[in-house]
Amino acid sequence: MFVQVIQGKTNDAEGFQRHIDTWETELKPGSKGWLGTTGGIASDGTTVSIVRFESEDAAKANSDRPEQGAWFEQLSKYYDGAPTFRNSTDTDTVGAPSDDAGFVQVMIYEVKDRPALEAFEAKVMPELMASRPDISGSFRVWDGSTAIDAIYFESEAKAREAEKKMATEMAEQMQQLNALAGEPTFIDLPNPILRSA
């Protein structure tokens, strides 16, 4: 799998959303190798799109389509400055992305010791996931030592409620996890854009 993570800022959330919606009807039918997209706009105007393709070649073929280039040129007008792009084939899923989520939280953080983090997660994630029925899936993209996690929740209200409970019941595990993962940047998407092929 090849993933492109596009992050930026918009000062016209409604216009940005409207233009994103046109991709579904106008460009999706001709997009070969596209697997799905997770995205949205945070309350401060931060935008993120995590776009999944079968391969890097499929992503390039999509980008090379004239209609895709024209569409993105129009989208660029809704960005406040140039967006950043991260490309990766290094991914991991737990439960896979969910198109049924009512809330998505994206976390971006620097990992000090990836093998140690993954070993620790292998031990604690089953218990953590069992205690969080509000989580419907997750997806991780690696960009060197930077991890980008998308966590899919049934709703924001249930996510916040479960967070408080977990902070008490699994405080020690979360402290260890934070020591390995570093302080994350959170991008909360209350109205996520969720699409699959």
C-alpha atoms as a PDB file:
ATOM      1  CA  MET A   1       0.000   0.000   0.000  1.00  0.00           C
ATOM      2  CA  PHE A   2       1.106   3.565  -0.743  1.00  0.00           C
ATOM      3  CA  VAL A   3      -0.211   6.440   1.351  1.00  0.00           C
ATOM      4  CA  GLN A   4      -0.090  10.184   0.854  1.00  0.00           C
ATOM      5  CA  VAL A   5      -0.790  12.443   3.829  1.00  0.00           C
ATOM      6  CA  ILE A   6      -1.686  16.007   2.873  1.00  0.00           C
ATOM      7  CA  GLN A   7      -1.869  18.582   5.659  1.00  0.00           C
ATOM      8  CA  GLY A   8      -2.661  22.257   5.406  1.00  0.00           C
ATOM      9  CA  LYS A   9      -4.848  25.082   6.623  1.00  0.00           C
ATOM     10  CA  THR A  10      -7.942  26.646   5.139  1.00  0.00           C
ATOM     11  CA  ASN A  11      -9.741  29.900   5.845  1.00  0.00           C
ATOM     12  CA  ASP A  12     -12.788  28.741   3.864  1.00  0.00           C
ATOM     13  CA  ALA A  13     -13.900  25.438   5.371  1.00  0.00           C
ATOM     14  CA  GLU A  14     -17.200  25.380   3.489  1.00  0.00           C
ATOM     15  CA  GLY A  15     -15.555  26.005   0.120  1.00  0.00           C
ATOM     16  CA  PHE A  16     -12.869  23.429   0.849  1.00  0.00           C
ATOM     17  CA  GLN A  17     -15.481  20.826   1.793  1.00  0.00           C
ATOM     18  CA  ARG A  18     -17.607  21.565  -1.296  1.00  0.00           C
ATOM     19  CA  HIS A  19     -14.649  21.109  -3.601  1.00  0.00           C
ATOM     20  CA  ILE A  20     -13.540  17.913  -1.841  1.00  0.00           C
ATOM     21  CA  ASP A  21     -17.053  16.544  -2.403  1.00  0.00           C
ATOM     22  CA  THR A  22     -16.751  17.034  -6.177  1.00  0.00           C
ATOM     23  CA  TRP A  23     -13.947  14.453  -6.306  1.00  0.00           C
ATOM     24  CA  GLU A  24     -16.406  11.695  -5.425  1.00  0.00           C
ATOM     25  CA  THR A  25     -18.628  12.304  -8.448  1.00  0.00           C
ATOM     26  CA  GLU A  26     -16.194  13.737 -10.990  1.00  0.00           C
ATOM     27  CA  LEU A  27     -12.858  11.998 -10.465  1.00  0.00           C
ATOM     28  CA  LYS A  28     -13.399   8.833  -8.436  1.00  0.00           C
ATOM     29  CA  PRO A  29     -14.791   6.786 -11.359  1.00  0.00           C
ATOM     30  CA  GLY A  30     -11.528   7.144 -13.290  1.00  0.00           C
ATOM     31  CA  SER A  31      -9.178   6.695 -10.339  1.00  0.00           C
ATOM     32  CA  LYS A  32      -7.558   3.263 -10.647  1.00  0.00           C
ATOM     33  CA  GLY A  33      -5.771   1.807  -7.649  1.00  0.00           C
ATOM     34  CA  TRP A  34      -7.299   4.273  -5.191  1.00  0.00           C
ATOM     35  CA  LEU A  35      -8.293   2.430  -1.994  1.00  0.00           C
ATOM     36  CA  GLY A  36      -9.748   5.137   0.189  1.00  0.00           C
ATOM     37  CA  THR A  37      -9.438   8.486   1.939  1.00  0.00           C
ATOM     38  CA  THR A  38      -9.683   9.654   5.532  1.00  0.00           C
ATOM     39  CA  GLY A  39      -9.812  13.394   5.999  1.00  0.00           C
ATOM     40  CA  GLY A  40     -11.531  16.421   7.375  1.00  0.00           C
ATOM     41  CA  ILE A  41     -11.212  19.912   8.772  1.00  0.00           C
ATOM     42  CA  ALA A  42     -10.419  20.711  12.404  1.00  0.00           C
ATOM     43  CA  SER A  43     -12.037  23.609  14.250  1.00  0.00           C
ATOM     44  CA  ASP A  44      -8.935  25.797  13.726  1.00  0.00           C
ATOM     45  CA  GLY A  45      -9.013  25.245   9.940  1.00  0.00           C
ATOM     46  CA  THR A  46      -6.309  22.574   9.871  1.00  0.00           C
ATOM     47  CA  THR A  47      -7.017  20.114   7.076  1.00  0.00           C
ATOM     48  CA  VAL A  48      -5.703  16.595   6.698  1.00  0.00           C
ATOM     49  CA  SER A  49      -6.236  13.957   4.023  1.00  0.00           C
ATOM     50  CA  ILE A  50      -4.811  10.443   4.306  1.00  0.00           C
ATOM     51  CA  VAL A  51      -5.156   8.938   0.838  1.00  0.00           C
ATOM     52  CA  ARG A  52      -4.541   5.228   0.287  1.00  0.00           C
ATOM     53  CA  PHE A  53      -3.516   3.606  -3.005  1.00  0.00           C
ATOM     54  CA  GLU A  54      -2.640   0.067  -4.039  1.00  0.00           C
ATOM     55  CA  SER A  55       0.865   1.206  -5.005  1.00  0.00           C
ATOM     56  CA  GLU A  56       3.052   4.234  -5.651  1.00  0.00           C
ATOM     57  CA  ASP A  57       2.594   3.666  -9.389  1.00  0.00           C
ATOM     58  CA  ALA A  58      -1.191   3.849  -8.971  1.00  0.00           C
ATOM     59  CA  ALA A  59      -0.866   7.095  -7.013  1.00  0.00           C
ATOM     60  CA  LYS A  60       1.395   8.585  -9.687  1.00  0.00           C
ATOM     61  CA  ALA A  61      -0.976   7.522 -12.469  1.00  0.00           C
ATOM     62  CA  ASN A  62      -3.811   9.235 -10.614  1.00  0.00           C
ATOM     63  CA  SER A  63      -1.787  12.426 -10.083  1.00  0.00           C
ATOM     64  CA  ASP A  64      -0.804  12.474 -13.753  1.00  0.00           C
ATOM     65  CA  ARG A  65      -4.418  12.598 -14.932  1.00  0.00           C
ATOM     66  CA  PRO A  66      -5.105  16.089 -16.346  1.00  0.00           C
ATOM     67  CA  GLU A  67      -8.460  16.234 -14.582  1.00  0.00           C
ATOM     68  CA  GLN A  68      -6.799  15.411 -11.246  1.00  0.00           C
ATOM     69  CA  GLY A  69      -4.261  18.190 -11.750  1.00  0.00           C
ATOM     70  CA  ALA A  70      -6.999  20.677 -12.612  1.00  0.00           C
ATOM     71  CA  TRP A  71      -9.057  19.586  -9.605  1.00  0.00           C
ATOM     72  CA  PHE A  72      -6.143  19.989  -7.194  1.00  0.00           C
ATOM     73  CA  GLU A  73      -5.284  23.391  -8.674  1.00  0.00           C
ATOM     74  CA  GLN A  74      -8.800  24.517  -7.772  1.00  0.00           C
ATOM     75  CA  LEU A  75      -8.493  22.960  -4.315  1.00  0.00           C
ATOM     76  CA  SER A  76      -5.244  24.878  -3.743  1.00  0.00           C
ATOM     77  CA  LYS A  77      -7.229  28.121  -3.781  1.00  0.00           C
ATOM     78  CA  TYR A  78      -8.848  27.058  -0.510  1.00  0.00           C
ATOM     79  CA  TYR A  79      -5.515  26.469   1.246  1.00  0.00           C
ATOM     80  CA  ASP A  80      -4.023  29.245   3.347  1.00  0.00           C
ATOM     81  CA  GLY A  81      -0.453  28.711   2.159  1.00  0.00           C
ATOM     82  CA  ALA A  82       1.013  25.592   0.606  1.00  0.00           C
ATOM     83  CA  PRO A  83       0.048  22.202   2.096  1.00  0.00           C
ATOM     84  CA  THR A  84       2.661  19.641   3.133  1.00  0.00           C
ATOM     85  CA  PHE A  85       2.884  16.159   1.617  1.00  0.00           C
ATOM     86  CA  ARG A  86       4.168  12.966   3.218  1.00  0.00           C
ATOM     87  CA  ASN A  87       4.507   9.824   1.085  1.00  0.00           C
ATOM     88  CA  SER A  88       4.920   6.381   2.605  1.00  0.00           C
ATOM     89  CA  THR A  89       4.601   2.656   2.006  1.00  0.00           C
ATOM     90  CA  ASP A  90       5.210   1.954   5.708  1.00  0.00           C
ATOM     91  CA  THR A  91       1.778   1.472   7.263  1.00  0.00           C
ATOM     92  CA  ASP A  92      -0.024  -0.504   9.944  1.00  0.00           C
ATOM     93  CA  THR A  93      -3.693  -1.122  10.750  1.00  0.00           C
ATOM     94  CA  VAL A  94      -5.577  -2.275  13.819  1.00  0.00           C
ATOM     95  CA  GLY A  95      -9.112  -3.005  12.770  1.00  0.00           C
ATOM     96  CA  ALA A  96      -8.519  -1.058   9.530  1.00  0.00           C
ATOM     97  CA  PRO A  97      -9.935   2.361   8.588  1.00  0.00           C
ATOM     98  CA  SER A  98     -13.663   2.724   9.220  1.00  0.00           C
ATOM     99  CA  ASP A  99     -16.058   4.584   6.937  1.00  0.00           C
ATOM    100  CA  ASP A 100     -18.728   4.419   9.658  1.00  0.00           C
ATOM    101  CA  ALA A 101     -16.875   6.531  12.229  1.00  0.00           C
ATOM    102  CA  GLY A 102     -18.566   9.665  13.519  1.00  0.00           C
ATOM    103  CA  PHE A 103     -15.307  11.193  14.760  1.00  0.00           C
ATOM    104  CA  VAL A 104     -11.656  10.792  13.776  1.00  0.00           C
ATOM    105  CA  GLN A 105      -8.627  11.906  15.735  1.00  0.00           C
ATOM    106  CA  VAL A 106      -5.288  12.221  13.936  1.00  0.00           C
ATOM    107  CA  MET A 107      -2.155  12.150  16.080  1.00  0.00           C
ATOM    108  CA  ILE A 108       1.296  13.076  14.770  1.00  0.00           C
ATOM    109  CA  TYR A 109       4.321  12.384  16.933  1.00  0.00           C
ATOM    110  CA  GLU A 110       8.013  11.584  16.919  1.00  0.00           C
ATOM    111  CA  VAL A 111       8.924   8.075  18.064  1.00  0.00           C
ATOM    112  CA  LYS A 112      12.165   7.692  19.975  1.00  0.00           C
ATOM    113  CA  ASP A 113      12.411   3.889  19.787  1.00  0.00           C
ATOM    114  CA  ARG A 114      10.094   2.248  17.254  1.00  0.00           C
ATOM    115  CA  PRO A 115      10.910  -1.406  18.121  1.00  0.00           C
ATOM    116  CA  ALA A 116      10.290  -0.696  21.810  1.00  0.00           C
ATOM    117  CA  LEU A 117       7.011   1.088  21.011  1.00  0.00           C
ATOM    118  CA  GLU A 118       5.770  -1.738  18.813  1.00  0.00           C
ATOM    119  CA  ALA A 119       6.736  -4.378  21.373  1.00  0.00           C
ATOM    120  CA  PHE A 120       4.922  -2.460  24.110  1.00  0.00           C
ATOM    121  CA  GLU A 121       1.843  -1.951  21.926  1.00  0.00           C
ATOM    122  CA  ALA A 122       1.744  -5.683  21.124  1.00  0.00           C
ATOM    123  CA  LYS A 123       1.352  -6.291  24.865  1.00  0.00           C
ATOM    124  CA  VAL A 124      -1.099  -3.544  25.804  1.00  0.00           C
ATOM    125  CA  MET A 125      -3.193  -2.964  22.660  1.00  0.00           C
ATOM    126  CA  PRO A 126      -5.444  -6.042  23.075  1.00  0.00           C
ATOM    127  CA  GLU A 127      -6.435  -4.875  26.562  1.00  0.00           C
ATOM    128  CA  LEU A 128      -6.742  -1.277  25.449  1.00  0.00           C
ATOM    129  CA  MET A 129      -8.927  -2.124  22.453  1.00  0.00           C
ATOM    130  CA  ALA A 130     -11.106  -4.382  24.600  1.00  0.00           C
ATOM    131  CA  SER A 131     -11.703  -1.460  26.948  1.00  0.00           C
ATOM    132  CA  ARG A 132     -12.555   0.917  24.093  1.00  0.00           C
ATOM    133  CA  PRO A 133     -15.623  -0.330  22.179  1.00  0.00           C
ATOM    134  CA  ASP A 134     -16.002   3.260  20.929  1.00  0.00           C
ATOM    135  CA  ILE A 135     -12.950   2.699  18.675  1.00  0.00           C
ATOM    136  CA  SER A 136     -13.926   1.187  15.338  1.00  0.00           C
ATOM    137  CA  GLY A 137     -10.453   1.081  13.808  1.00  0.00           C
ATOM    138  CA  SER A 138      -7.082   2.748  13.405  1.00  0.00           C
ATOM    139  CA  PHE A 139      -4.502   3.330  10.737  1.00  0.00           C
ATOM    140  CA  ARG A 140      -0.842   4.307  11.119  1.00  0.00           C
ATOM    141  CA  VAL A 141       1.505   5.813   8.561  1.00  0.00           C
ATOM    142  CA  TRP A 142       5.241   6.065   9.195  1.00  0.00           C
ATOM    143  CA  ASP A 143       7.379   8.851   7.750  1.00  0.00           C
ATOM    144  CA  GLY A 144      10.809   8.000   9.085  1.00  0.00           C
ATOM    145  CA  SER A 145      10.547   8.337  12.865  1.00  0.00           C
ATOM    146  CA  THR A 146       7.305  10.302  12.574  1.00  0.00           C
ATOM    147  CA  ALA A 147       4.091   8.366  13.139  1.00  0.00           C
ATOM    148  CA  ILE A 148       0.715   9.590  11.888  1.00  0.00           C
ATOM    149  CA  ASP A 149      -2.176   7.751  13.534  1.00  0.00           C
ATOM    150  CA  ALA A 150      -5.813   8.021  12.507  1.00  0.00           C
ATOM    151  CA  ILE A 151      -8.135   6.698  15.219  1.00  0.00           C
ATOM    152  CA  TYR A 152     -11.758   6.075  14.244  1.00  0.00           C
ATOM    153  CA  PHE A 153     -14.472   6.521  16.888  1.00  0.00           C
ATOM    154  CA  GLU A 154     -18.198   5.892  16.965  1.00  0.00           C
ATOM    155  CA  SER A 155     -18.734   9.477  18.159  1.00  0.00           C
ATOM    156  CA  GLU A 156     -16.773  12.297  19.767  1.00  0.00           C
ATOM    157  CA  ALA A 157     -18.922  12.181  22.902  1.00  0.00           C
ATOM    158  CA  LYS A 158     -18.204   8.485  23.463  1.00  0.00           C
ATOM    159  CA  ALA A 159     -14.510   9.031  22.718  1.00  0.00           C
ATOM    160  CA  ARG A 160     -14.207  11.771  25.348  1.00  0.00           C
ATOM    161  CA  GLU A 161     -16.073   9.719  27.926  1.00  0.00           C
ATOM    162  CA  ALA A 162     -13.859   6.675  27.343  1.00  0.00           C
ATOM    163  CA  GLU A 163     -10.703   8.821  27.450  1.00  0.00           C
ATOM    164  CA  LYS A 164     -11.518   9.942  30.995  1.00  0.00           C
ATOM    165  CA  LYS A 165     -12.152   6.376  32.108  1.00  0.00           C
ATOM    166  CA  MET A 166      -8.932   5.106  30.498  1.00  0.00           C
ATOM    167  CA  ALA A 167      -6.873   7.908  32.076  1.00  0.00           C
ATOM    168  CA  THR A 168      -7.819   6.450  35.466  1.00  0.00           C
ATOM    169  CA  GLU A 169      -7.870   2.706  34.785  1.00  0.00           C
ATOM    170  CA  MET A 170      -4.826   2.491  32.476  1.00  0.00           C
ATOM    171  CA  ALA A 171      -2.797   5.452  33.710  1.00  0.00           C
ATOM    172  CA  GLU A 172       0.451   3.486  34.071  1.00  0.00           C
ATOM    173  CA  GLN A 173       0.238   1.943  30.591  1.00  0.00           C
ATOM    174  CA  MET A 174      -0.555   5.312  29.018  1.00  0.00           C
ATOM    175  CA  GLN A 175       2.378   6.923  30.811  1.00  0.00           C
ATOM    176  CA  GLN A 176       4.723   4.260  29.429  1.00  0.00           C
ATOM    177  CA  LEU A 177       3.230   4.652  25.960  1.00  0.00           C
ATOM    178  CA  ASN A 178       3.697   8.426  26.034  1.00  0.00           C
ATOM    179  CA  ALA A 179       7.321   7.988  27.101  1.00  0.00           C
ATOM    180  CA  LEU A 180       7.986   5.909  23.992  1.00  0.00           C
ATOM    181  CA  ALA A 181       5.856   7.892  21.540  1.00  0.00           C
ATOM    182  CA  GLY A 182       6.520  11.474  22.574  1.00  0.00           C
ATOM    183  CA  GLU A 183       4.018  14.312  22.862  1.00  0.00           C
ATOM    184  CA  PRO A 184       1.559  14.142  19.963  1.00  0.00           C
ATOM    185  CA  THR A 185      -0.040  16.887  17.938  1.00  0.00           C
ATOM    186  CA  PHE A 186      -3.785  16.236  17.839  1.00  0.00           C
ATOM    187  CA  ILE A 187      -6.002  17.037  14.866  1.00  0.00           C
ATOM    188  CA  ASP A 188      -9.639  16.388  15.743  1.00  0.00           C
ATOM    189  CA  LEU A 189     -12.016  15.846  12.829  1.00  0.00           C
ATOM    190  CA  PRO A 190     -15.618  16.154  14.114  1.00  0.00           C
ATOM    191  CA  ASN A 191     -17.104  15.719  10.622  1.00  0.00           C
ATOM    192  CA  PRO A 192     -14.685  13.288   8.982  1.00  0.00           C
ATOM    193  CA  ILE A 193     -14.528  12.677   5.248  1.00  0.00           C
ATOM    194  CA  LEU A 194     -14.460   8.883   4.937  1.00  0.00           C
ATOM    195  CA  ARG A 195     -14.462   7.148   1.574  1.00  0.00           C
ATOM    196  CA  SER A 196     -13.410   3.776   0.223  1.00  0.00           C
ATOM    197  CA  ALA A 197     -13.198   2.300  -3.253  1.00  0.00           C
END
